[in-house]
Amino acid sequence: MTPDERRERILNYHRTFLAPAGANVLEDLSSVCREKRSTFVPGSTDETAFLEGGRSVMIYIRSMIAAKPDEVETPKALTEDEPDA
């Protein structure tokens, strides 16, 4: 993903979830995805993993909302005297 594409993706998350309707949807998702509750289900690793998957989506959405599009860095091009990573 290019830096411009990353900026645009961040802006899309801002447009979607920072608008009033989006904020309402975000709060609903937070509840459904157990963002602020334990995802551990005693005796059920499968259900715990399933619930944790939903929670991880919320963490990703929150990270995109917190991201600042103007702080996305453009990676510098490698020069001949720099080793490949």
Protein backbone atom coordinates (compact mmCIF):
# COMPACT_ATOMS: atom_id res chain seq x y z
CA MET A 1 0.00 0.00 0.00
CA THR A 2 1.39 3.37 -0.93
CA PRO A 3 1.50 6.24 1.58
CA ASP A 4 -1.25 8.02 -0.40
CA GLU A 5 -3.45 4.92 -0.25
CA ARG A 6 -2.78 4.63 3.50
CA ARG A 7 -3.76 8.29 4.02
CA GLU A 8 -6.95 7.77 2.03
CA ARG A 9 -7.83 4.64 4.02
CA ILE A 10 -7.36 6.51 7.31
CA LEU A 11 -9.53 9.37 6.04
CA ASN A 12 -12.22 6.87 5.05
CA TYR A 13 -12.27 5.47 8.59
CA HIS A 14 -12.52 9.01 9.95
CA ARG A 15 -15.38 9.88 7.57
CA THR A 16 -17.21 6.67 8.43
CA PHE A 17 -16.85 6.42 12.19
CA LEU A 18 -16.52 10.03 13.31
CA ALA A 19 -19.80 11.11 11.72
CA PRO A 20 -22.79 10.94 14.11
CA ALA A 21 -24.31 7.84 12.49
CA GLY A 22 -20.92 6.15 12.34
CA ALA A 23 -20.28 6.87 16.01
CA ASN A 24 -23.58 5.13 16.84
CA VAL A 25 -22.60 2.13 14.74
CA LEU A 26 -19.17 2.07 16.40
CA GLU A 27 -20.72 1.92 19.86
CA ASP A 28 -22.99 -0.93 18.73
CA LEU A 29 -20.00 -2.80 17.29
CA SER A 30 -18.11 -2.19 20.51
CA SER A 31 -20.84 -3.97 22.44
CA VAL A 32 -21.34 -6.81 19.96
CA CYS A 33 -17.56 -7.38 19.61
CA ARG A 34 -16.97 -7.29 23.38
CA GLU A 35 -14.40 -4.53 23.07
CA LYS A 36 -14.55 -3.65 26.77
CA ARG A 37 -15.35 -7.07 28.21
CA SER A 38 -13.47 -10.30 28.64
CA THR A 39 -13.51 -12.62 25.66
CA PHE A 40 -12.43 -15.61 27.73
CA VAL A 41 -14.91 -18.48 27.86
CA PRO A 42 -13.89 -21.12 30.42
CA GLY A 43 -13.54 -24.53 28.82
CA SER A 44 -13.98 -23.29 25.24
CA THR A 45 -10.87 -22.28 23.39
CA ASP A 46 -12.84 -22.11 20.14
CA GLU A 47 -15.42 -19.65 21.47
CA THR A 48 -12.69 -17.62 23.19
CA ALA A 49 -10.77 -17.40 19.89
CA PHE A 50 -13.95 -16.43 18.02
CA LEU A 51 -14.79 -13.65 20.48
CA GLU A 52 -11.20 -12.42 20.48
CA GLY A 53 -11.39 -12.14 16.69
CA GLY A 54 -14.28 -9.70 16.97
CA ARG A 55 -12.44 -7.75 19.64
CA SER A 56 -9.36 -7.50 17.43
CA VAL A 57 -11.48 -5.92 14.69
CA MET A 58 -12.54 -3.22 17.16
CA ILE A 59 -8.92 -2.61 18.14
CA TYR A 60 -8.03 -2.18 14.47
CA ILE A 61 -10.93 0.23 13.84
CA ARG A 62 -9.96 2.29 16.90
CA SER A 63 -6.33 2.41 15.71
CA MET A 64 -7.43 3.69 12.30
CA ILE A 65 -9.62 6.35 13.93
CA ALA A 66 -6.69 7.41 16.13
CA ALA A 67 -4.28 7.56 13.20
CA LYS A 68 -3.42 10.96 11.77
CA PRO A 69 -3.41 10.94 7.97
CA ASP A 70 -0.93 13.82 7.80
CA GLU A 71 1.62 11.78 9.78
CA VAL A 72 1.86 8.89 7.30
CA GLU A 73 5.47 8.80 6.23
CA THR A 74 6.69 8.21 2.74
CA PRO A 75 9.40 5.56 2.93
CA LYS A 76 12.71 6.70 1.56
CA ALA A 77 14.00 4.83 -1.45
CA LEU A 78 16.95 2.56 -0.88
CA THR A 79 20.17 3.86 -2.31
CA GLU A 80 22.86 1.64 -3.76
CA ASP A 81 25.06 1.92 -0.67
CA GLU A 82 22.28 0.84 1.73
CA PRO A 83 21.77 -2.90 2.27
CA ASP A 84 18.42 -4.45 1.47
CA ALA A 85 16.29 -5.10 4.53
